[in-house]
Amino acid sequence: MPAYNPMPAYDRSVIHQDEIAATHAMSGLDLVQKLRPSFLSSRGALTVIGRQSQLPTVYVNGLRYGTMATLQEIPASQIAEIRMYRIGSASMFGAGEPAGVLAVTLRSR
């Protein structure tokens, strides 16, 4: 009898290599805009003086890279995966990421 092998659940917090290859995007920002525009939604932190609107911080291969605008500098052809870490799970990158983290993994050569 063959072993039961259910299909893995689709994770909307990750842009995978097969999706990247199927998209004719030029940059990392183009990829996110086309495939997961929800990654670009602002997460506002509530403070005593009101709501501060912030976007996720970009990390490339585990190192802090910059703001969402810096994704424009990364060619889509060099990206292996983009993963969104929302506020709770972004704590592995440190406490200074109140809007979450967009982690980009580059292809190895």
PDB file of N, CA and C in Angstrom:
ATOM      1  N   MET A   1       0.842  -1.166   0.000  1.00  0.00           N
ATOM      2  CA  MET A   1       0.000   0.000   0.000  1.00  0.00           C
ATOM      3  C   MET A   1       0.899   1.245   0.000  1.00  0.00           C
ATOM      4  N   PRO A   2       0.653   2.222  -0.894  1.00  0.00           N
ATOM      5  CA  PRO A   2       1.476   3.432  -0.920  1.00  0.00           C
ATOM      6  C   PRO A   2       1.261   4.280   0.325  1.00  0.00           C
ATOM      7  N   ALA A   3       2.328   4.969   0.717  1.00  0.00           N
ATOM      8  CA  ALA A   3       2.259   5.837   1.901  1.00  0.00           C
ATOM      9  C   ALA A   3       1.418   7.062   1.604  1.00  0.00           C
ATOM     10  N   TYR A   4       0.694   7.514   2.589  1.00  0.00           N
ATOM     11  CA  TYR A   4      -0.117   8.728   2.470  1.00  0.00           C
ATOM     12  C   TYR A   4       0.805   9.938   2.462  1.00  0.00           C
ATOM     13  N   ASN A   5       0.705  10.758   1.446  1.00  0.00           N
ATOM     14  CA  ASN A   5       1.567  11.923   1.321  1.00  0.00           C
ATOM     15  C   ASN A   5       0.705  13.133   0.953  1.00  0.00           C
ATOM     16  N   PRO A   6       0.163  13.834   1.966  1.00  0.00           N
ATOM     17  CA  PRO A   6      -0.707  14.976   1.664  1.00  0.00           C
ATOM     18  C   PRO A   6       0.094  16.125   1.052  1.00  0.00           C
ATOM     19  N   MET A   7      -0.586  16.939   0.274  1.00  0.00           N
ATOM     20  CA  MET A   7       0.069  18.112  -0.296  1.00  0.00           C
ATOM     21  C   MET A   7       0.396  19.088   0.831  1.00  0.00           C
ATOM     22  N   PRO A   8       1.572  19.698   0.795  1.00  0.00           N
ATOM     23  CA  PRO A   8       1.909  20.672   1.825  1.00  0.00           C
ATOM     24  C   PRO A   8       1.014  21.902   1.699  1.00  0.00           C
ATOM     25  N   ALA A   9       0.754  22.542   2.814  1.00  0.00           N
ATOM     26  CA  ALA A   9      -0.069  23.750   2.821  1.00  0.00           C
ATOM     27  C   ALA A   9       0.668  24.876   2.108  1.00  0.00           C
ATOM     28  N   TYR A  10      -0.077  25.693   1.396  1.00  0.00           N
ATOM     29  CA  TYR A  10       0.491  26.825   0.674  1.00  0.00           C
ATOM     30  C   TYR A  10       0.698  27.972   1.648  1.00  0.00           C
ATOM     31  N   ASP A  11       1.895  28.476   1.716  1.00  0.00           N
ATOM     32  CA  ASP A  11       2.245  29.527   2.671  1.00  0.00           C
ATOM     33  C   ASP A  11       2.262  30.878   1.965  1.00  0.00           C
ATOM     34  N   ARG A  12       1.281  31.732   2.247  1.00  0.00           N
ATOM     35  CA  ARG A  12       1.176  33.044   1.603  1.00  0.00           C
ATOM     36  C   ARG A  12       2.215  34.032   2.125  1.00  0.00           C
ATOM     37  N   SER A  13       2.972  33.660   3.139  1.00  0.00           N
ATOM     38  CA  SER A  13       3.993  34.568   3.666  1.00  0.00           C
ATOM     39  C   SER A  13       5.336  34.383   2.953  1.00  0.00           C
ATOM     40  N   VAL A  14       5.365  33.514   1.941  1.00  0.00           N
ATOM     41  CA  VAL A  14       6.611  33.238   1.220  1.00  0.00           C
ATOM     42  C   VAL A  14       6.378  33.355  -0.287  1.00  0.00           C
ATOM     43  N   ILE A  15       7.309  34.015  -0.957  1.00  0.00           N
ATOM     44  CA  ILE A  15       7.345  34.010  -2.421  1.00  0.00           C
ATOM     45  C   ILE A  15       8.441  33.026  -2.798  1.00  0.00           C
ATOM     46  N   HIS A  16       8.049  31.928  -3.435  1.00  0.00           N
ATOM     47  CA  HIS A  16       8.977  30.843  -3.752  1.00  0.00           C
ATOM     48  C   HIS A  16       9.637  31.023  -5.122  1.00  0.00           C
ATOM     49  N   GLN A  17      10.684  30.257  -5.341  1.00  0.00           N
ATOM     50  CA  GLN A  17      11.468  30.306  -6.571  1.00  0.00           C
ATOM     51  C   GLN A  17      10.614  30.073  -7.808  1.00  0.00           C
ATOM     52  N   ASP A  18       9.683  29.121  -7.764  1.00  0.00           N
ATOM     53  CA  ASP A  18       8.869  28.846  -8.948  1.00  0.00           C
ATOM     54  C   ASP A  18       7.980  30.033  -9.316  1.00  0.00           C
ATOM     55  N   GLU A  19       7.480  30.754  -8.308  1.00  0.00           N
ATOM     56  CA  GLU A  19       6.681  31.952  -8.572  1.00  0.00           C
ATOM     57  C   GLU A  19       7.553  33.062  -9.163  1.00  0.00           C
ATOM     58  N   ILE A  20       8.750  33.191  -8.630  1.00  0.00           N
ATOM     59  CA  ILE A  20       9.680  34.227  -9.108  1.00  0.00           C
ATOM     60  C   ILE A  20      10.026  33.979 -10.570  1.00  0.00           C
ATOM     61  N   ALA A  21      10.306  32.723 -10.912  1.00  0.00           N
ATOM     62  CA  ALA A  21      10.673  32.377 -12.284  1.00  0.00           C
ATOM     63  C   ALA A  21       9.528  32.632 -13.261  1.00  0.00           C
ATOM     64  N   ALA A  22       8.282  32.457 -12.808  1.00  0.00           N
ATOM     65  CA  ALA A  22       7.127  32.645 -13.682  1.00  0.00           C
ATOM     66  C   ALA A  22       6.766  34.110 -13.884  1.00  0.00           C
ATOM     67  N   THR A  23       7.339  34.975 -13.063  1.00  0.00           N
ATOM     68  CA  THR A  23       7.055  36.400 -13.146  1.00  0.00           C
ATOM     69  C   THR A  23       8.187  37.077 -13.906  1.00  0.00           C
ATOM     70  N   HIS A  24       7.846  37.972 -14.764  1.00  0.00           N
ATOM     71  CA  HIS A  24       8.870  38.680 -15.532  1.00  0.00           C
ATOM     72  C   HIS A  24       9.183  40.014 -14.865  1.00  0.00           C
ATOM     73  N   ALA A  25       9.403  39.956 -13.564  1.00  0.00           N
ATOM     74  CA  ALA A  25       9.704  41.164 -12.795  1.00  0.00           C
ATOM     75  C   ALA A  25      11.179  41.508 -12.949  1.00  0.00           C
ATOM     76  N   MET A  26      11.475  42.777 -12.835  1.00  0.00           N
ATOM     77  CA  MET A  26      12.853  43.241 -12.972  1.00  0.00           C
ATOM     78  C   MET A  26      13.573  43.334 -11.627  1.00  0.00           C
ATOM     79  N   SER A  27      12.849  43.650 -10.560  1.00  0.00           N
ATOM     80  CA  SER A  27      13.485  43.857  -9.260  1.00  0.00           C
ATOM     81  C   SER A  27      12.691  43.154  -8.161  1.00  0.00           C
ATOM     82  N   GLY A  28      13.280  43.130  -6.983  1.00  0.00           N
ATOM     83  CA  GLY A  28      12.594  42.565  -5.830  1.00  0.00           C
ATOM     84  C   GLY A  28      11.305  43.303  -5.518  1.00  0.00           C
ATOM     85  N   LEU A  29      11.325  44.609  -5.677  1.00  0.00           N
ATOM     86  CA  LEU A  29      10.125  45.403  -5.427  1.00  0.00           C
ATOM     87  C   LEU A  29       9.035  45.053  -6.431  1.00  0.00           C
ATOM     88  N   ASP A  30       9.402  44.864  -7.691  1.00  0.00           N
ATOM     89  CA  ASP A  30       8.430  44.443  -8.705  1.00  0.00           C
ATOM     90  C   ASP A  30       7.804  43.102  -8.340  1.00  0.00           C
ATOM     91  N   LEU A  31       8.624  42.167  -7.868  1.00  0.00           N
ATOM     92  CA  LEU A  31       8.120  40.854  -7.454  1.00  0.00           C
ATOM     93  C   LEU A  31       7.066  40.989  -6.371  1.00  0.00           C
ATOM     94  N   VAL A  32       7.393  41.753  -5.342  1.00  0.00           N
ATOM     95  CA  VAL A  32       6.461  41.919  -4.218  1.00  0.00           C
ATOM     96  C   VAL A  32       5.181  42.607  -4.685  1.00  0.00           C
ATOM     97  N   GLN A  33       5.303  43.632  -5.505  1.00  0.00           N
ATOM     98  CA  GLN A  33       4.126  44.346  -5.991  1.00  0.00           C
ATOM     99  C   GLN A  33       3.215  43.439  -6.817  1.00  0.00           C
ATOM    100  N   LYS A  34       3.797  42.546  -7.607  1.00  0.00           N
ATOM    101  CA  LYS A  34       3.007  41.661  -8.462  1.00  0.00           C
ATOM    102  C   LYS A  34       2.450  40.447  -7.723  1.00  0.00           C
ATOM    103  N   LEU A  35       3.268  39.860  -6.845  1.00  0.00           N
ATOM    104  CA  LEU A  35       2.887  38.590  -6.238  1.00  0.00           C
ATOM    105  C   LEU A  35       2.268  38.694  -4.848  1.00  0.00           C
ATOM    106  N   ARG A  36       2.741  39.604  -4.016  1.00  0.00           N
ATOM    107  CA  ARG A  36       2.216  39.740  -2.654  1.00  0.00           C
ATOM    108  C   ARG A  36       2.125  41.212  -2.257  1.00  0.00           C
ATOM    109  N   PRO A  37       1.250  41.973  -2.887  1.00  0.00           N
ATOM    110  CA  PRO A  37       1.136  43.393  -2.529  1.00  0.00           C
ATOM    111  C   PRO A  37       0.792  43.615  -1.060  1.00  0.00           C
ATOM    112  N   SER A  38       0.248  42.600  -0.404  1.00  0.00           N
ATOM    113  CA  SER A  38      -0.057  42.735   1.029  1.00  0.00           C
ATOM    114  C   SER A  38       1.207  42.929   1.861  1.00  0.00           C
ATOM    115  N   PHE A  39       2.380  42.495   1.346  1.00  0.00           N
ATOM    116  CA  PHE A  39       3.641  42.705   2.054  1.00  0.00           C
ATOM    117  C   PHE A  39       3.962  44.194   2.177  1.00  0.00           C
ATOM    118  N   LEU A  40       3.398  44.991   1.281  1.00  0.00           N
ATOM    119  CA  LEU A  40       3.679  46.423   1.256  1.00  0.00           C
ATOM    120  C   LEU A  40       2.720  47.226   2.126  1.00  0.00           C
ATOM    121  N   SER A  41       1.774  46.539   2.751  1.00  0.00           N
ATOM    122  CA  SER A  41       0.814  47.271   3.574  1.00  0.00           C
ATOM    123  C   SER A  41       1.488  47.764   4.843  1.00  0.00           C
ATOM    124  N   SER A  42       1.163  48.965   5.185  1.00  0.00           N
ATOM    125  CA  SER A  42       1.743  49.623   6.354  1.00  0.00           C
ATOM    126  C   SER A  42       1.158  49.034   7.627  1.00  0.00           C
ATOM    127  N   ARG A  43       1.997  48.818   8.583  1.00  0.00           N
ATOM    128  CA  ARG A  43       1.563  48.375   9.908  1.00  0.00           C
ATOM    129  C   ARG A  43       1.781  49.546  10.839  1.00  0.00           C
ATOM    130  N   GLY A  44       0.725  50.075  11.383  1.00  0.00           N
ATOM    131  CA  GLY A  44       0.853  51.244  12.242  1.00  0.00           C
ATOM    132  C   GLY A  44       1.004  50.866  13.690  1.00  0.00           C
ATOM    133  N   ALA A  45       1.995  51.437  14.328  1.00  0.00           N
ATOM    134  CA  ALA A  45       2.186  51.233  15.757  1.00  0.00           C
ATOM    135  C   ALA A  45       1.416  52.326  16.493  1.00  0.00           C
ATOM    136  N   LEU A  46       0.633  51.948  17.464  1.00  0.00           N
ATOM    137  CA  LEU A  46      -0.154  52.911  18.214  1.00  0.00           C
ATOM    138  C   LEU A  46       0.699  53.511  19.321  1.00  0.00           C
ATOM    139  N   THR A  47       0.785  54.825  19.335  1.00  0.00           N
ATOM    140  CA  THR A  47       1.574  55.516  20.351  1.00  0.00           C
ATOM    141  C   THR A  47       0.683  56.537  21.051  1.00  0.00           C
ATOM    142  N   VAL A  48       1.225  57.223  22.059  1.00  0.00           N
ATOM    143  CA  VAL A  48       0.447  58.232  22.784  1.00  0.00           C
ATOM    144  C   VAL A  48       0.079  59.413  21.884  1.00  0.00           C
ATOM    145  N   ILE A  49       0.881  59.653  20.853  1.00  0.00           N
ATOM    146  CA  ILE A  49       0.596  60.793  19.992  1.00  0.00           C
ATOM    147  C   ILE A  49      -0.126  60.378  18.705  1.00  0.00           C
ATOM    148  N   GLY A  50      -0.538  59.151  18.627  1.00  0.00           N
ATOM    149  CA  GLY A  50      -1.279  58.709  17.448  1.00  0.00           C
ATOM    150  C   GLY A  50      -0.666  57.477  16.823  1.00  0.00           C
ATOM    151  N   ARG A  51      -1.002  57.242  15.581  1.00  0.00           N
ATOM    152  CA  ARG A  51      -0.535  56.052  14.872  1.00  0.00           C
ATOM    153  C   ARG A  51       0.669  56.404  14.017  1.00  0.00           C
ATOM    154  N   GLN A  52       1.737  55.638  14.177  1.00  0.00           N
ATOM    155  CA  GLN A  52       2.925  55.797  13.346  1.00  0.00           C
ATOM    156  C   GLN A  52       2.885  54.720  12.270  1.00  0.00           C
ATOM    157  N   SER A  53       2.869  55.136  11.035  1.00  0.00           N
ATOM    158  CA  SER A  53       2.799  54.204   9.930  1.00  0.00           C
ATOM    159  C   SER A  53       4.209  53.771   9.544  1.00  0.00           C
ATOM    160  N   GLN A  54       4.413  52.459   9.481  1.00  0.00           N
ATOM    161  CA  GLN A  54       5.729  51.932   9.139  1.00  0.00           C
ATOM    162  C   GLN A  54       5.586  50.751   8.203  1.00  0.00           C
ATOM    163  N   LEU A  55       6.585  50.561   7.384  1.00  0.00           N
ATOM    164  CA  LEU A  55       6.655  49.404   6.505  1.00  0.00           C
ATOM    165  C   LEU A  55       7.719  48.460   7.030  1.00  0.00           C
ATOM    166  N   PRO A  56       7.649  47.184   6.648  1.00  0.00           N
ATOM    167  CA  PRO A  56       8.650  46.220   7.105  1.00  0.00           C
ATOM    168  C   PRO A  56      10.069  46.610   6.697  1.00  0.00           C
ATOM    169  N   THR A  57      11.033  46.188   7.490  1.00  0.00           N
ATOM    170  CA  THR A  57      12.449  46.384   7.191  1.00  0.00           C
ATOM    171  C   THR A  57      12.906  45.223   6.312  1.00  0.00           C
ATOM    172  N   VAL A  58      13.781  45.494   5.371  1.00  0.00           N
ATOM    173  CA  VAL A  58      14.284  44.466   4.458  1.00  0.00           C
ATOM    174  C   VAL A  58      15.615  43.921   4.987  1.00  0.00           C
ATOM    175  N   TYR A  59      15.707  42.595   5.043  1.00  0.00           N
ATOM    176  CA  TYR A  59      16.941  41.887   5.371  1.00  0.00           C
ATOM    177  C   TYR A  59      17.314  41.042   4.167  1.00  0.00           C
ATOM    178  N   VAL A  60      18.587  41.005   3.826  1.00  0.00           N
ATOM    179  CA  VAL A  60      19.073  40.172   2.715  1.00  0.00           C
ATOM    180  C   VAL A  60      20.078  39.190   3.282  1.00  0.00           C
ATOM    181  N   ASN A  61      19.807  37.907   3.096  1.00  0.00           N
ATOM    182  CA  ASN A  61      20.655  36.833   3.621  1.00  0.00           C
ATOM    183  C   ASN A  61      20.963  37.028   5.104  1.00  0.00           C
ATOM    184  N   GLY A  62      19.960  37.464   5.859  1.00  0.00           N
ATOM    185  CA  GLY A  62      20.086  37.599   7.308  1.00  0.00           C
ATOM    186  C   GLY A  62      20.658  38.910   7.803  1.00  0.00           C
ATOM    187  N   LEU A  63      21.068  39.795   6.899  1.00  0.00           N
ATOM    188  CA  LEU A  63      21.647  41.079   7.299  1.00  0.00           C
ATOM    189  C   LEU A  63      20.688  42.214   6.965  1.00  0.00           C
ATOM    190  N   ARG A  64      20.594  43.172   7.871  1.00  0.00           N
ATOM    191  CA  ARG A  64      19.721  44.326   7.642  1.00  0.00           C
ATOM    192  C   ARG A  64      20.182  45.067   6.388  1.00  0.00           C
ATOM    193  N   TYR A  65      19.243  45.305   5.473  1.00  0.00           N
ATOM    194  CA  TYR A  65      19.574  45.903   4.176  1.00  0.00           C
ATOM    195  C   TYR A  65      19.002  47.308   4.049  1.00  0.00           C
ATOM    196  N   GLY A  66      17.801  47.533   4.547  1.00  0.00           N
ATOM    197  CA  GLY A  66      17.217  48.869   4.459  1.00  0.00           C
ATOM    198  C   GLY A  66      15.705  48.855   4.424  1.00  0.00           C
ATOM    199  N   THR A  67      15.158  49.872   3.784  1.00  0.00           N
ATOM    200  CA  THR A  67      13.709  50.035   3.702  1.00  0.00           C
ATOM    201  C   THR A  67      13.164  49.261   2.505  1.00  0.00           C
ATOM    202  N   MET A  68      11.853  49.271   2.368  1.00  0.00           N
ATOM    203  CA  MET A  68      11.220  48.588   1.242  1.00  0.00           C
ATOM    204  C   MET A  68      11.719  49.134  -0.094  1.00  0.00           C
ATOM    205  N   ALA A  69      12.054  50.414  -0.146  1.00  0.00           N
ATOM    206  CA  ALA A  69      12.542  51.022  -1.391  1.00  0.00           C
ATOM    207  C   ALA A  69      13.834  50.367  -1.872  1.00  0.00           C
ATOM    208  N   THR A  70      14.628  49.818  -0.961  1.00  0.00           N
ATOM    209  CA  THR A  70      15.894  49.192  -1.362  1.00  0.00           C
ATOM    210  C   THR A  70      15.679  47.905  -2.152  1.00  0.00           C
ATOM    211  N   LEU A  71      14.472  47.355  -2.119  1.00  0.00           N
ATOM    212  CA  LEU A  71      14.173  46.172  -2.927  1.00  0.00           C
ATOM    213  C   LEU A  71      14.326  46.469  -4.422  1.00  0.00           C
ATOM    214  N   GLN A  72      14.186  47.731  -4.776  1.00  0.00           N
ATOM    215  CA  GLN A  72      14.334  48.138  -6.180  1.00  0.00           C
ATOM    216  C   GLN A  72      15.761  47.875  -6.680  1.00  0.00           C
ATOM    217  N   GLU A  73      16.723  47.824  -5.760  1.00  0.00           N
ATOM    218  CA  GLU A  73      18.131  47.628  -6.121  1.00  0.00           C
ATOM    219  C   GLU A  73      18.494  46.161  -6.351  1.00  0.00           C
ATOM    220  N   ILE A  74      17.630  45.247  -5.966  1.00  0.00           N
ATOM    221  CA  ILE A  74      17.935  43.819  -6.066  1.00  0.00           C
ATOM    222  C   ILE A  74      17.275  43.243  -7.318  1.00  0.00           C
ATOM    223  N   PRO A  75      18.063  42.752  -8.269  1.00  0.00           N
ATOM    224  CA  PRO A  75      17.470  42.141  -9.469  1.00  0.00           C
ATOM    225  C   PRO A  75      16.668  40.884  -9.114  1.00  0.00           C
ATOM    226  N   ALA A  76      15.496  40.763  -9.678  1.00  0.00           N
ATOM    227  CA  ALA A  76      14.631  39.609  -9.397  1.00  0.00           C
ATOM    228  C   ALA A  76      15.328  38.295  -9.739  1.00  0.00           C
ATOM    229  N   SER A  77      16.168  38.307 -10.751  1.00  0.00           N
ATOM    230  CA  SER A  77      16.868  37.095 -11.175  1.00  0.00           C
ATOM    231  C   SER A  77      17.848  36.568 -10.128  1.00  0.00           C
ATOM    232  N   GLN A  78      18.208  37.396  -9.157  1.00  0.00           N
ATOM    233  CA  GLN A  78      19.143  36.973  -8.106  1.00  0.00           C
ATOM    234  C   GLN A  78      18.434  36.497  -6.840  1.00  0.00           C
ATOM    235  N   ILE A  79      17.108  36.545  -6.812  1.00  0.00           N
ATOM    236  CA  ILE A  79      16.355  36.217  -5.602  1.00  0.00           C
ATOM    237  C   ILE A  79      15.883  34.770  -5.635  1.00  0.00           C
ATOM    238  N   ALA A  80      16.160  34.048  -4.561  1.00  0.00           N
ATOM    239  CA  ALA A  80      15.697  32.672  -4.417  1.00  0.00           C
ATOM    240  C   ALA A  80      14.358  32.617  -3.683  1.00  0.00           C
ATOM    241  N   GLU A  81      14.172  33.516  -2.703  1.00  0.00           N
ATOM    242  CA  GLU A  81      12.955  33.492  -1.885  1.00  0.00           C
ATOM    243  C   GLU A  81      12.782  34.822  -1.175  1.00  0.00           C
ATOM    244  N   ILE A  82      11.531  35.197  -0.960  1.00  0.00           N
ATOM    245  CA  ILE A  82      11.196  36.359  -0.136  1.00  0.00           C
ATOM    246  C   ILE A  82      10.183  35.885   0.891  1.00  0.00           C
ATOM    247  N   ARG A  83      10.482  36.131   2.160  1.00  0.00           N
ATOM    248  CA  ARG A  83       9.614  35.672   3.248  1.00  0.00           C
ATOM    249  C   ARG A  83       9.222  36.857   4.122  1.00  0.00           C
ATOM    250  N   MET A  84       7.927  36.942   4.431  1.00  0.00           N
ATOM    251  CA  MET A  84       7.405  38.009   5.293  1.00  0.00           C
ATOM    252  C   MET A  84       7.270  37.498   6.714  1.00  0.00           C
ATOM    253  N   TYR A  85       7.905  38.210   7.652  1.00  0.00           N
ATOM    254  CA  TYR A  85       7.762  37.913   9.071  1.00  0.00           C
ATOM    255  C   TYR A  85       6.969  39.062   9.688  1.00  0.00           C
ATOM    256  N   ARG A  86       5.790  38.780  10.139  1.00  0.00           N
ATOM    257  CA  ARG A  86       4.966  39.812  10.774  1.00  0.00           C
ATOM    258  C   ARG A  86       5.511  40.118  12.159  1.00  0.00           C
ATOM    259  N   ILE A  87       4.910  41.049  12.835  1.00  0.00           N
ATOM    260  CA  ILE A  87       5.425  41.595  14.089  1.00  0.00           C
ATOM    261  C   ILE A  87       5.872  40.528  15.096  1.00  0.00           C
ATOM    262  N   GLY A  88       5.056  39.564  15.417  1.00  0.00           N
ATOM    263  CA  GLY A  88       5.413  38.560  16.417  1.00  0.00           C
ATOM    264  C   GLY A  88       6.606  37.718  16.031  1.00  0.00           C
ATOM    265  N   SER A  89       6.627  37.224  14.808  1.00  0.00           N
ATOM    266  CA  SER A  89       7.720  36.353  14.380  1.00  0.00           C
ATOM    267  C   SER A  89       8.975  37.129  13.975  1.00  0.00           C
ATOM    268  N   ALA A  90       8.864  38.438  13.813  1.00  0.00           N
ATOM    269  CA  ALA A  90      10.022  39.252  13.440  1.00  0.00           C
ATOM    270  C   ALA A  90      10.958  39.487  14.613  1.00  0.00           C
ATOM    271  N   SER A  91      10.564  39.070  15.799  1.00  0.00           N
ATOM    272  CA  SER A  91      11.401  39.298  16.984  1.00  0.00           C
ATOM    273  C   SER A  91      12.750  38.604  16.891  1.00  0.00           C
ATOM    274  N   MET A  92      12.882  37.585  16.049  1.00  0.00           N
ATOM    275  CA  MET A  92      14.179  36.915  15.887  1.00  0.00           C
ATOM    276  C   MET A  92      15.214  37.841  15.257  1.00  0.00           C
ATOM    277  N   PHE A  93      14.735  38.931  14.627  1.00  0.00           N
ATOM    278  CA  PHE A  93      15.636  39.912  14.031  1.00  0.00           C
ATOM    279  C   PHE A  93      15.959  41.048  15.001  1.00  0.00           C
ATOM    280  N   GLY A  94      15.342  41.035  16.162  1.00  0.00           N
ATOM    281  CA  GLY A  94      15.568  42.072  17.160  1.00  0.00           C
ATOM    282  C   GLY A  94      14.292  42.809  17.490  1.00  0.00           C
ATOM    283  N   ALA A  95      14.340  43.577  18.555  1.00  0.00           N
ATOM    284  CA  ALA A  95      13.151  44.282  19.020  1.00  0.00           C
ATOM    285  C   ALA A  95      12.858  45.531  18.205  1.00  0.00           C
ATOM    286  N   GLY A  96      13.764  45.968  17.376  1.00  0.00           N
ATOM    287  CA  GLY A  96      13.602  47.208  16.633  1.00  0.00           C
ATOM    288  C   GLY A  96      12.856  47.069  15.318  1.00  0.00           C
ATOM    289  N   GLU A  97      12.033  46.050  15.164  1.00  0.00           N
ATOM    290  CA  GLU A  97      11.307  45.837  13.911  1.00  0.00           C
ATOM    291  C   GLU A  97       9.794  45.823  14.168  1.00  0.00           C
ATOM    292  N   PRO A  98       9.217  46.963  14.540  1.00  0.00           N
ATOM    293  CA  PRO A  98       7.808  46.996  14.916  1.00  0.00           C
ATOM    294  C   PRO A  98       6.839  46.755  13.762  1.00  0.00           C
ATOM    295  N   ALA A  99       7.287  46.881  12.524  1.00  0.00           N
ATOM    296  CA  ALA A  99       6.406  46.672  11.378  1.00  0.00           C
ATOM    297  C   ALA A  99       6.673  45.339  10.682  1.00  0.00           C
ATOM    298  N   GLY A 100       7.550  44.522  11.241  1.00  0.00           N
ATOM    299  CA  GLY A 100       7.865  43.238  10.643  1.00  0.00           C
ATOM    300  C   GLY A 100       9.117  43.293   9.792  1.00  0.00           C
ATOM    301  N   VAL A 101       9.437  42.155   9.182  1.00  0.00           N
ATOM    302  CA  VAL A 101      10.657  42.006   8.388  1.00  0.00           C
ATOM    303  C   VAL A 101      10.325  41.292   7.085  1.00  0.00           C
ATOM    304  N   LEU A 102      10.903  41.774   6.016  1.00  0.00           N
ATOM    305  CA  LEU A 102      10.840  41.108   4.730  1.00  0.00           C
ATOM    306  C   LEU A 102      12.236  40.527   4.500  1.00  0.00           C
ATOM    307  N   ALA A 103      12.354  39.200   4.586  1.00  0.00           N
ATOM    308  CA  ALA A 103      13.647  38.534   4.481  1.00  0.00           C
ATOM    309  C   ALA A 103      13.842  38.013   3.057  1.00  0.00           C
ATOM    310  N   VAL A 104      14.883  38.493   2.404  1.00  0.00           N
ATOM    311  CA  VAL A 104      15.206  38.097   1.031  1.00  0.00           C
ATOM    312  C   VAL A 104      16.387  37.138   1.072  1.00  0.00           C
ATOM    313  N   THR A 105      16.255  36.021   0.425  1.00  0.00           N
ATOM    314  CA  THR A 105      17.363  35.071   0.296  1.00  0.00           C
ATOM    315  C   THR A 105      17.803  35.096  -1.155  1.00  0.00           C
ATOM    316  N   LEU A 106      19.079  35.386  -1.349  1.00  0.00           N
ATOM    317  CA  LEU A 106      19.621  35.439  -2.706  1.00  0.00           C
ATOM    318  C   LEU A 106      20.025  34.045  -3.178  1.00  0.00           C
ATOM    319  N   ARG A 107      20.010  33.868  -4.473  1.00  0.00           N
ATOM    320  CA  ARG A 107      20.458  32.598  -5.051  1.00  0.00           C
ATOM    321  C   ARG A 107      21.932  32.412  -4.814  1.00  0.00           C
ATOM    322  N   SER A 108      22.340  31.187  -4.585  1.00  0.00           N
ATOM    323  CA  SER A 108      23.781  30.935  -4.483  1.00  0.00           C
ATOM    324  C   SER A 108      24.304  30.720  -5.890  1.00  0.00           C
ATOM    325  N   ARG A 109      25.510  31.094  -6.107  1.00  0.00           N
ATOM    326  CA  ARG A 109      26.077  31.033  -7.470  1.00  0.00           C
ATOM    327  C   ARG A 109      26.636  29.693  -7.767  1.00  0.00           C
TER     328      ARG A 109
END
